[in-house]
N, C-alpha and C. Protein backbone atom coordinates (compact mmCIF):
# COMPACT_ATOMS: atom_id res chain seq x y z
N MET A 1 132.32 123.72 127.04
CA MET A 1 131.15 122.94 126.67
C MET A 1 130.20 123.71 125.77
N THR A 2 130.43 125.00 125.57
CA THR A 2 129.52 125.77 124.74
C THR A 2 129.57 125.32 123.29
N SER A 3 130.70 124.79 122.81
CA SER A 3 130.75 124.30 121.43
C SER A 3 129.88 123.05 121.29
N ILE A 4 129.85 122.22 122.31
CA ILE A 4 128.96 121.05 122.28
C ILE A 4 127.51 121.51 122.26
N ASP A 5 127.20 122.50 123.08
CA ASP A 5 125.84 123.04 123.13
C ASP A 5 125.45 123.60 121.76
N ARG A 6 126.34 124.34 121.12
CA ARG A 6 126.05 124.89 119.79
C ARG A 6 125.84 123.78 118.76
N PHE A 7 126.69 122.74 118.84
CA PHE A 7 126.55 121.61 117.93
C PHE A 7 125.20 120.92 118.12
N VAL A 8 124.83 120.66 119.38
CA VAL A 8 123.55 120.00 119.68
C VAL A 8 122.40 120.83 119.14
N ARG A 9 122.43 122.12 119.37
CA ARG A 9 121.35 122.99 118.90
C ARG A 9 121.28 123.04 117.37
N ALA A 10 122.45 123.09 116.71
CA ALA A 10 122.48 123.16 115.25
C ALA A 10 121.95 121.87 114.63
N VAL A 11 122.40 120.73 115.14
CA VAL A 11 121.94 119.45 114.60
C VAL A 11 120.46 119.25 114.87
N ASP A 12 120.01 119.59 116.07
CA ASP A 12 118.59 119.46 116.39
C ASP A 12 117.74 120.36 115.49
N ALA A 13 118.23 121.56 115.22
CA ALA A 13 117.50 122.47 114.33
C ALA A 13 117.45 121.91 112.91
N LEU A 14 118.59 121.39 112.43
CA LEU A 14 118.65 120.82 111.08
C LEU A 14 117.67 119.66 110.95
N ASN A 15 117.74 118.70 111.88
CA ASN A 15 116.87 117.53 111.77
C ASN A 15 115.41 117.88 112.07
N GLY A 16 115.17 118.89 112.87
CA GLY A 16 113.80 119.36 113.07
C GLY A 16 113.23 119.92 111.78
N TRP A 17 114.04 120.72 111.09
CA TRP A 17 113.61 121.30 109.81
C TRP A 17 113.40 120.21 108.76
N VAL A 18 114.36 119.30 108.63
CA VAL A 18 114.25 118.20 107.66
C VAL A 18 113.01 117.35 107.97
N GLY A 19 112.80 117.05 109.23
CA GLY A 19 111.65 116.23 109.62
C GLY A 19 110.32 116.87 109.28
N ARG A 20 110.23 118.18 109.51
CA ARG A 20 108.98 118.87 109.18
C ARG A 20 108.75 118.92 107.67
N ILE A 21 109.82 118.99 106.88
CA ILE A 21 109.68 119.00 105.43
C ILE A 21 109.23 117.63 104.92
N VAL A 22 109.94 116.56 105.33
CA VAL A 22 109.60 115.23 104.81
C VAL A 22 108.27 114.72 105.35
N ALA A 23 107.79 115.29 106.43
CA ALA A 23 106.48 114.87 106.96
C ALA A 23 105.37 115.13 105.93
N TRP A 24 105.57 116.11 105.07
CA TRP A 24 104.58 116.39 104.02
C TRP A 24 104.46 115.24 103.03
N LEU A 25 105.45 114.37 102.99
CA LEU A 25 105.35 113.20 102.11
C LEU A 25 104.20 112.30 102.52
N CYS A 26 103.81 112.32 103.78
CA CYS A 26 102.66 111.52 104.23
C CYS A 26 101.39 111.96 103.49
N LEU A 27 101.18 113.26 103.42
CA LEU A 27 100.02 113.78 102.71
C LEU A 27 100.09 113.41 101.24
N TYR A 28 101.27 113.57 100.65
CA TYR A 28 101.46 113.20 99.25
C TYR A 28 101.11 111.74 99.02
N MET A 29 101.58 110.86 99.91
CA MET A 29 101.33 109.42 99.76
C MET A 29 99.84 109.10 99.85
N VAL A 30 99.14 109.74 100.76
CA VAL A 30 97.70 109.50 100.90
C VAL A 30 96.96 109.93 99.64
N ILE A 31 97.29 111.12 99.15
CA ILE A 31 96.61 111.64 97.96
C ILE A 31 96.90 110.77 96.74
N VAL A 32 98.17 110.44 96.53
CA VAL A 32 98.54 109.66 95.35
C VAL A 32 98.00 108.24 95.44
N THR A 33 98.03 107.64 96.61
CA THR A 33 97.47 106.29 96.76
C THR A 33 95.97 106.29 96.45
N ALA A 34 95.26 107.28 96.95
CA ALA A 34 93.83 107.38 96.66
C ALA A 34 93.60 107.61 95.17
N LEU A 35 94.44 108.45 94.56
CA LEU A 35 94.32 108.70 93.13
C LEU A 35 94.58 107.45 92.30
N VAL A 36 95.59 106.69 92.65
CA VAL A 36 95.90 105.44 91.95
C VAL A 36 94.72 104.47 92.05
N ALA A 37 94.18 104.32 93.24
CA ALA A 37 93.03 103.42 93.43
C ALA A 37 91.82 103.91 92.65
N PHE A 38 91.56 105.22 92.70
CA PHE A 38 90.42 105.78 91.97
C PHE A 38 90.58 105.57 90.47
N LEU A 39 91.75 105.88 89.94
CA LEU A 39 91.97 105.71 88.51
C LEU A 39 91.85 104.25 88.08
N ARG A 40 92.36 103.36 88.91
CA ARG A 40 92.32 101.95 88.56
C ARG A 40 90.90 101.40 88.57
N TYR A 41 90.15 101.69 89.63
CA TYR A 41 88.83 101.07 89.77
C TYR A 41 87.72 101.85 89.09
N ALA A 42 87.89 103.14 88.90
CA ALA A 42 86.85 103.92 88.24
C ALA A 42 87.03 103.96 86.74
N PHE A 43 88.30 104.00 86.28
CA PHE A 43 88.54 104.17 84.84
C PHE A 43 89.43 103.09 84.24
N SER A 44 89.83 102.10 85.03
CA SER A 44 90.74 101.04 84.57
C SER A 44 92.01 101.62 83.97
N ILE A 45 92.53 102.66 84.59
CA ILE A 45 93.76 103.31 84.16
C ILE A 45 94.82 103.11 85.23
N GLY A 46 96.01 102.80 84.80
CA GLY A 46 97.11 102.65 85.75
C GLY A 46 98.39 103.24 85.21
N PHE A 47 99.13 103.88 86.05
CA PHE A 47 100.42 104.45 85.70
C PHE A 47 101.46 103.89 86.66
N VAL A 48 102.43 103.17 86.11
CA VAL A 48 103.46 102.58 86.95
C VAL A 48 104.26 103.67 87.66
N TRP A 49 104.58 104.75 86.96
CA TRP A 49 105.37 105.83 87.57
C TRP A 49 104.64 106.45 88.76
N LEU A 50 103.31 106.53 88.65
CA LEU A 50 102.54 107.12 89.75
C LEU A 50 102.54 106.18 90.96
N GLN A 51 102.40 104.89 90.70
CA GLN A 51 102.45 103.91 91.78
C GLN A 51 103.82 103.90 92.44
N GLU A 52 104.86 103.95 91.62
CA GLU A 52 106.21 103.95 92.18
C GLU A 52 106.49 105.22 92.97
N SER A 53 105.86 106.32 92.57
CA SER A 53 106.15 107.59 93.24
C SER A 53 105.76 107.55 94.71
N TYR A 54 104.64 106.92 95.05
CA TYR A 54 104.29 106.89 96.47
C TYR A 54 105.10 105.85 97.24
N VAL A 55 105.55 104.80 96.56
CA VAL A 55 106.43 103.84 97.22
C VAL A 55 107.79 104.49 97.50
N TRP A 56 108.29 105.24 96.54
CA TRP A 56 109.56 105.94 96.71
C TRP A 56 109.43 107.01 97.80
N ALA A 57 108.31 107.71 97.81
CA ALA A 57 108.08 108.74 98.84
C ALA A 57 108.09 108.10 100.22
N HIS A 58 107.53 106.91 100.32
CA HIS A 58 107.53 106.17 101.58
C HIS A 58 108.97 105.87 102.01
N GLY A 59 109.79 105.43 101.08
CA GLY A 59 111.20 105.16 101.39
C GLY A 59 111.94 106.40 101.84
N VAL A 60 111.71 107.50 101.14
CA VAL A 60 112.36 108.77 101.52
C VAL A 60 111.88 109.22 102.88
N LEU A 61 110.60 109.10 103.13
CA LEU A 61 110.05 109.51 104.42
C LEU A 61 110.74 108.78 105.58
N PHE A 62 110.88 107.47 105.45
CA PHE A 62 111.48 106.72 106.54
C PHE A 62 112.99 106.90 106.63
N MET A 63 113.67 106.95 105.50
CA MET A 63 115.12 107.09 105.53
C MET A 63 115.54 108.48 106.02
N VAL A 64 114.90 109.50 105.49
CA VAL A 64 115.29 110.87 105.84
C VAL A 64 114.65 111.30 107.16
N GLY A 65 113.51 110.75 107.49
CA GLY A 65 112.83 111.12 108.73
C GLY A 65 113.31 110.38 109.96
N ALA A 66 114.19 109.41 109.80
CA ALA A 66 114.66 108.62 110.95
C ALA A 66 115.37 109.48 111.99
N ALA A 67 116.17 110.43 111.53
CA ALA A 67 116.89 111.29 112.48
C ALA A 67 115.93 112.19 113.25
N PHE A 68 114.87 112.65 112.58
CA PHE A 68 113.86 113.45 113.26
C PHE A 68 113.18 112.63 114.35
N THR A 69 112.91 111.37 114.05
CA THR A 69 112.30 110.48 115.03
C THR A 69 113.23 110.28 116.22
N LEU A 70 114.53 110.15 115.96
CA LEU A 70 115.50 110.04 117.04
C LEU A 70 115.54 111.33 117.86
N LEU A 71 115.47 112.47 117.19
CA LEU A 71 115.43 113.76 117.88
C LEU A 71 114.26 113.83 118.85
N ARG A 72 113.10 113.37 118.41
CA ARG A 72 111.88 113.42 119.23
C ARG A 72 111.71 112.21 120.15
N ASP A 73 112.75 111.36 120.22
CA ASP A 73 112.73 110.17 121.08
C ASP A 73 111.55 109.27 120.73
N GLY A 74 111.32 109.10 119.43
CA GLY A 74 110.16 108.34 118.99
C GLY A 74 110.45 106.92 118.57
N HIS A 75 111.71 106.48 118.62
CA HIS A 75 112.03 105.11 118.24
C HIS A 75 111.60 104.16 119.35
N VAL A 76 111.34 102.94 118.96
CA VAL A 76 110.91 101.92 119.91
C VAL A 76 112.10 101.54 120.79
N ARG A 77 111.85 101.46 122.07
CA ARG A 77 112.87 100.99 123.01
C ARG A 77 112.16 100.27 124.14
N VAL A 78 112.90 99.46 124.84
CA VAL A 78 112.36 98.75 125.99
C VAL A 78 112.41 99.72 127.17
N ASP A 79 111.27 100.25 127.53
CA ASP A 79 111.21 101.28 128.56
C ASP A 79 111.06 100.74 129.98
N VAL A 80 111.13 99.44 130.14
CA VAL A 80 110.96 98.86 131.46
C VAL A 80 112.03 99.39 132.42
N PHE A 81 113.25 99.53 131.93
CA PHE A 81 114.34 100.00 132.77
C PHE A 81 114.63 101.48 132.58
N TYR A 82 114.24 102.05 131.46
CA TYR A 82 114.62 103.41 131.11
C TYR A 82 113.66 104.46 131.67
N ARG A 83 112.39 104.30 131.38
CA ARG A 83 111.39 105.32 131.71
C ARG A 83 111.33 105.71 133.19
N PRO A 84 111.32 104.77 134.12
CA PRO A 84 111.16 105.18 135.53
C PRO A 84 112.43 105.76 136.15
N ARG A 85 113.53 105.75 135.44
CA ARG A 85 114.80 106.19 136.00
C ARG A 85 114.97 107.70 135.92
N GLY A 86 115.99 108.18 136.58
CA GLY A 86 116.28 109.61 136.64
C GLY A 86 117.00 110.12 135.40
N VAL A 87 117.19 111.42 135.38
CA VAL A 87 117.78 112.11 134.23
C VAL A 87 119.21 111.65 133.99
N ARG A 88 120.00 111.51 135.04
CA ARG A 88 121.41 111.10 134.88
C ARG A 88 121.52 109.67 134.34
N TYR A 89 120.69 108.78 134.83
CA TYR A 89 120.69 107.40 134.33
C TYR A 89 120.35 107.39 132.84
N LYS A 90 119.32 108.13 132.46
CA LYS A 90 118.92 108.20 131.06
C LYS A 90 120.04 108.81 130.21
N ALA A 91 120.74 109.80 130.75
CA ALA A 91 121.85 110.41 130.01
C ALA A 91 122.95 109.39 129.76
N TRP A 92 123.26 108.58 130.78
CA TRP A 92 124.26 107.54 130.59
C TRP A 92 123.82 106.51 129.55
N VAL A 93 122.58 106.07 129.62
CA VAL A 93 122.06 105.10 128.66
C VAL A 93 122.10 105.68 127.25
N ASP A 94 121.68 106.94 127.10
CA ASP A 94 121.69 107.58 125.78
C ASP A 94 123.10 107.76 125.26
N LEU A 95 124.02 108.14 126.13
CA LEU A 95 125.41 108.34 125.72
C LEU A 95 126.04 107.02 125.26
N LEU A 96 125.93 106.01 126.08
CA LEU A 96 126.52 104.72 125.74
C LEU A 96 125.81 104.06 124.57
N GLY A 97 124.49 104.18 124.53
CA GLY A 97 123.74 103.62 123.41
C GLY A 97 124.09 104.29 122.09
N SER A 98 124.27 105.59 122.12
CA SER A 98 124.65 106.32 120.89
C SER A 98 126.03 105.90 120.41
N LEU A 99 126.97 105.87 121.33
CA LEU A 99 128.36 105.61 120.95
C LEU A 99 128.64 104.15 120.62
N PHE A 100 127.99 103.22 121.33
CA PHE A 100 128.36 101.82 121.17
C PHE A 100 127.31 100.96 120.44
N LEU A 101 126.13 101.51 120.19
CA LEU A 101 125.12 100.76 119.45
C LEU A 101 124.72 101.50 118.17
N LEU A 102 124.22 102.72 118.32
CA LEU A 102 123.70 103.47 117.17
C LEU A 102 124.78 103.77 116.13
N LEU A 103 125.84 104.43 116.56
CA LEU A 103 126.87 104.85 115.60
C LEU A 103 127.56 103.68 114.91
N PRO A 104 127.91 102.59 115.60
CA PRO A 104 128.49 101.45 114.87
C PRO A 104 127.54 100.85 113.83
N VAL A 105 126.26 100.79 114.14
CA VAL A 105 125.30 100.24 113.17
C VAL A 105 125.19 101.16 111.96
N VAL A 106 125.15 102.46 112.19
CA VAL A 106 125.08 103.41 111.07
C VAL A 106 126.34 103.33 110.21
N ILE A 107 127.49 103.20 110.85
CA ILE A 107 128.74 103.05 110.10
C ILE A 107 128.71 101.77 109.28
N LEU A 108 128.20 100.70 109.85
CA LEU A 108 128.06 99.44 109.12
C LEU A 108 127.14 99.60 107.91
N ILE A 109 125.99 100.23 108.11
CA ILE A 109 125.05 100.46 107.00
C ILE A 109 125.72 101.27 105.90
N TRP A 110 126.42 102.32 106.30
CA TRP A 110 127.11 103.17 105.32
C TRP A 110 128.15 102.37 104.55
N SER A 111 128.97 101.60 105.24
CA SER A 111 130.04 100.87 104.56
C SER A 111 129.49 99.77 103.65
N VAL A 112 128.45 99.08 104.08
CA VAL A 112 127.86 98.01 103.27
C VAL A 112 127.15 98.59 102.05
N SER A 113 126.63 99.80 102.17
CA SER A 113 125.86 100.40 101.06
C SER A 113 126.74 101.06 100.00
N GLN A 114 128.03 101.21 100.27
CA GLN A 114 128.91 101.92 99.34
C GLN A 114 128.81 101.37 97.92
N GLU A 115 129.09 100.11 97.74
CA GLU A 115 129.07 99.51 96.41
C GLU A 115 127.68 99.57 95.79
N TYR A 116 126.68 99.33 96.59
CA TYR A 116 125.29 99.33 96.15
C TYR A 116 124.89 100.69 95.56
N VAL A 117 125.20 101.76 96.27
CA VAL A 117 124.82 103.10 95.82
C VAL A 117 125.72 103.57 94.68
N ILE A 118 127.01 103.34 94.78
CA ILE A 118 127.93 103.78 93.73
C ILE A 118 127.63 103.07 92.41
N ASP A 119 127.38 101.78 92.47
CA ASP A 119 127.03 101.03 91.25
C ASP A 119 125.75 101.58 90.63
N SER A 120 124.80 101.93 91.45
CA SER A 120 123.55 102.50 90.95
C SER A 120 123.80 103.84 90.26
N TRP A 121 124.67 104.66 90.83
CA TRP A 121 125.01 105.95 90.22
C TRP A 121 125.77 105.76 88.92
N LEU A 122 126.70 104.81 88.88
CA LEU A 122 127.49 104.58 87.66
C LEU A 122 126.61 104.16 86.50
N ARG A 123 125.55 103.42 86.79
CA ARG A 123 124.62 102.98 85.75
C ARG A 123 123.46 103.94 85.56
N LEU A 124 123.39 104.99 86.40
CA LEU A 124 122.23 105.89 86.41
C LEU A 124 120.94 105.05 86.39
N GLU A 125 120.90 104.15 87.34
CA GLU A 125 119.84 103.15 87.42
C GLU A 125 118.45 103.77 87.51
N GLY A 126 117.54 103.19 86.78
CA GLY A 126 116.14 103.58 86.83
C GLY A 126 115.29 102.41 87.26
N SER A 127 114.02 102.58 87.17
CA SER A 127 113.08 101.53 87.55
C SER A 127 113.23 100.32 86.64
N ARG A 128 112.99 99.14 87.19
CA ARG A 128 112.99 97.91 86.39
C ARG A 128 111.68 97.74 85.64
N GLU A 129 110.68 98.48 86.05
CA GLU A 129 109.36 98.36 85.44
C GLU A 129 109.25 99.25 84.20
N VAL A 130 108.59 98.75 83.19
CA VAL A 130 108.33 99.55 82.00
C VAL A 130 107.39 100.69 82.40
N GLY A 131 107.77 101.90 82.06
CA GLY A 131 106.96 103.06 82.43
C GLY A 131 107.20 103.54 83.85
N GLY A 132 108.21 102.97 84.50
CA GLY A 132 108.52 103.36 85.87
C GLY A 132 109.35 104.63 85.92
N LEU A 133 109.64 105.04 87.13
CA LEU A 133 110.39 106.28 87.33
C LEU A 133 111.88 106.10 87.01
N PRO A 134 112.46 107.09 86.36
CA PRO A 134 113.92 107.08 86.22
C PRO A 134 114.53 107.57 87.54
N GLY A 135 115.81 107.41 87.70
CA GLY A 135 116.46 107.98 88.87
C GLY A 135 116.40 107.15 90.13
N LEU A 136 116.37 105.83 89.98
CA LEU A 136 116.40 104.97 91.17
C LEU A 136 117.67 105.20 91.97
N PHE A 137 118.73 105.61 91.28
CA PHE A 137 120.00 105.91 91.95
C PHE A 137 119.83 107.03 92.98
N LEU A 138 118.92 107.95 92.72
CA LEU A 138 118.66 109.03 93.69
C LEU A 138 117.98 108.48 94.94
N LEU A 139 117.04 107.57 94.75
CA LEU A 139 116.38 106.95 95.89
C LEU A 139 117.38 106.15 96.72
N LYS A 140 118.27 105.40 96.05
CA LYS A 140 119.26 104.62 96.78
C LYS A 140 120.23 105.53 97.53
N SER A 141 120.43 106.74 97.05
CA SER A 141 121.30 107.69 97.73
C SER A 141 120.73 108.12 99.08
N MET A 142 119.45 107.92 99.27
CA MET A 142 118.83 108.27 100.55
C MET A 142 119.41 107.43 101.69
N ILE A 143 120.03 106.29 101.36
CA ILE A 143 120.71 105.50 102.38
C ILE A 143 121.83 106.32 102.99
N TRP A 144 122.57 107.04 102.15
CA TRP A 144 123.67 107.87 102.66
C TRP A 144 123.13 109.09 103.42
N VAL A 145 122.02 109.65 102.95
CA VAL A 145 121.40 110.77 103.67
C VAL A 145 120.96 110.29 105.05
N PHE A 146 120.37 109.10 105.09
CA PHE A 146 119.99 108.49 106.36
C PHE A 146 121.21 108.38 107.29
N CYS A 147 122.30 107.84 106.76
CA CYS A 147 123.50 107.66 107.57
C CYS A 147 124.03 108.99 108.09
N LEU A 148 124.07 109.99 107.24
CA LEU A 148 124.58 111.30 107.64
C LEU A 148 123.71 111.91 108.74
N LEU A 149 122.39 111.97 108.50
CA LEU A 149 121.50 112.62 109.45
C LEU A 149 121.41 111.87 110.78
N VAL A 150 121.36 110.55 110.72
CA VAL A 150 121.28 109.77 111.96
C VAL A 150 122.61 109.83 112.72
N THR A 151 123.73 109.85 112.00
CA THR A 151 125.02 110.02 112.68
C THR A 151 125.07 111.36 113.40
N LEU A 152 124.68 112.42 112.70
CA LEU A 152 124.66 113.74 113.33
C LEU A 152 123.75 113.76 114.55
N GLN A 153 122.56 113.16 114.41
CA GLN A 153 121.62 113.17 115.53
C GLN A 153 122.12 112.28 116.67
N GLY A 154 122.79 111.18 116.35
CA GLY A 154 123.38 110.34 117.39
C GLY A 154 124.47 111.08 118.15
N LEU A 155 125.29 111.85 117.42
CA LEU A 155 126.31 112.67 118.08
C LEU A 155 125.68 113.78 118.91
N SER A 156 124.57 114.32 118.41
CA SER A 156 123.85 115.34 119.17
C SER A 156 123.29 114.74 120.47
N LEU A 157 122.75 113.55 120.37
CA LEU A 157 122.22 112.86 121.56
C LEU A 157 123.34 112.59 122.56
N ALA A 158 124.49 112.17 122.05
CA ALA A 158 125.65 111.95 122.93
C ALA A 158 126.09 113.27 123.56
N GLY A 159 126.12 114.33 122.76
CA GLY A 159 126.48 115.64 123.30
C GLY A 159 125.51 116.14 124.34
N ARG A 160 124.22 115.95 124.08
CA ARG A 160 123.20 116.35 125.06
C ARG A 160 123.37 115.56 126.35
N SER A 161 123.71 114.29 126.21
CA SER A 161 123.93 113.44 127.39
C SER A 161 125.13 113.93 128.19
N LEU A 162 126.21 114.28 127.50
CA LEU A 162 127.39 114.82 128.18
C LEU A 162 127.05 116.12 128.92
N LEU A 163 126.29 116.98 128.25
CA LEU A 163 125.90 118.25 128.88
C LEU A 163 125.02 118.01 130.11
N THR A 164 124.15 117.02 130.02
CA THR A 164 123.29 116.67 131.15
C THR A 164 124.14 116.16 132.31
N LEU A 165 125.07 115.26 132.00
CA LEU A 165 125.92 114.69 133.05
C LEU A 165 126.83 115.75 133.68
N ALA A 166 127.20 116.76 132.90
CA ALA A 166 128.06 117.83 133.41
C ALA A 166 127.26 118.91 134.13
N GLY A 167 125.93 118.81 134.11
CA GLY A 167 125.10 119.80 134.78
C GLY A 167 125.02 121.12 134.04
N TYR A 168 125.22 121.09 132.74
CA TYR A 168 125.17 122.31 131.94
C TYR A 168 123.75 122.88 131.96
N PRO A 169 123.60 124.20 132.13
CA PRO A 169 122.25 124.81 132.18
C PRO A 169 121.45 124.53 130.91
N GLY A 170 120.21 124.14 131.11
CA GLY A 170 119.33 123.86 129.98
C GLY A 170 119.23 122.39 129.64
N TYR A 171 120.03 121.57 130.31
CA TYR A 171 120.01 120.13 130.08
C TYR A 171 119.79 119.46 131.42
N GLY A 172 119.08 118.36 131.38
CA GLY A 172 118.85 117.64 132.62
C GLY A 172 117.41 117.70 133.10
N GLY A 173 116.52 118.17 132.24
CA GLY A 173 115.11 118.10 132.57
C GLY A 173 114.47 119.39 133.02
N GLU A 174 115.27 120.40 133.36
CA GLU A 174 114.66 121.64 133.84
C GLU A 174 114.38 122.57 132.66
N THR A 175 113.43 123.45 132.84
CA THR A 175 113.12 124.46 131.85
C THR A 175 113.99 125.68 132.11
N VAL A 176 114.60 126.19 131.07
CA VAL A 176 115.47 127.35 131.19
C VAL A 176 114.85 128.51 130.44
N VAL A 177 114.84 129.67 131.05
CA VAL A 177 114.31 130.86 130.39
C VAL A 177 115.47 131.54 129.67
N THR A 178 115.31 131.71 128.34
CA THR A 178 116.33 132.36 127.51
C THR A 178 115.78 133.68 127.00
N LYS A 179 116.57 134.35 126.17
CA LYS A 179 116.14 135.63 125.60
C LYS A 179 114.89 135.47 124.74
N THR A 180 114.70 134.27 124.18
CA THR A 180 113.54 134.03 123.32
C THR A 180 112.39 133.38 124.06
N GLY A 181 112.53 133.19 125.36
CA GLY A 181 111.46 132.59 126.15
C GLY A 181 111.88 131.28 126.74
N PRO A 182 110.94 130.55 127.38
CA PRO A 182 111.29 129.27 128.01
C PRO A 182 111.70 128.24 126.96
N ARG A 183 112.66 127.40 127.32
CA ARG A 183 113.12 126.36 126.41
C ARG A 183 113.20 125.05 127.18
N GLU A 184 112.52 124.06 126.65
CA GLU A 184 112.58 122.72 127.23
C GLU A 184 113.81 122.02 126.67
N PRO A 185 114.37 121.07 127.39
CA PRO A 185 115.49 120.31 126.88
C PRO A 185 115.11 119.62 125.57
N GLY A 186 115.98 119.71 124.58
CA GLY A 186 115.72 119.09 123.28
C GLY A 186 115.05 120.00 122.30
N ASP A 187 114.55 121.17 122.73
CA ASP A 187 113.96 122.10 121.79
C ASP A 187 115.06 122.75 120.97
N GLY A 188 114.82 122.88 119.68
CA GLY A 188 115.83 123.50 118.80
C GLY A 188 115.68 124.93 118.88
């Protein structure tokens, strides 16, 4: 089971790092949105590329940050049955949910997006707006990044659930003291 543990830790570390990086897009969006509004209302100046940049940043934030949200258990779920239950019950729900709900949906998104993204790359698609950003094909590629990162995180969640069900040290809700100090379950 140590290979599963290593995989879980590696994926959690990757998505933790990616999530912390893309979180800075929030600050970028606030600054650029304020700048667009200021330029428009104070000087009657508008730049389509600048407006598109914060919309695209929003798309990247959500597509690339989805796996980080899954890592931190931040997605919406019906907690009426989940929250009050024990660790083993939650591990079973997470395992089955990852394998039979999350991963099939991600595979569906990936397969349906193939033609959409490839066609965009073949045309090196840009913005439809005059003065808009080039490279729309790069933004559309974030669908595949989403699929990759969420698949990895879904497999990590399934692996963590297996480790919890097997009683592997460090999983199942207890704090484990390691060489680097105490580690809570799910910490990268």
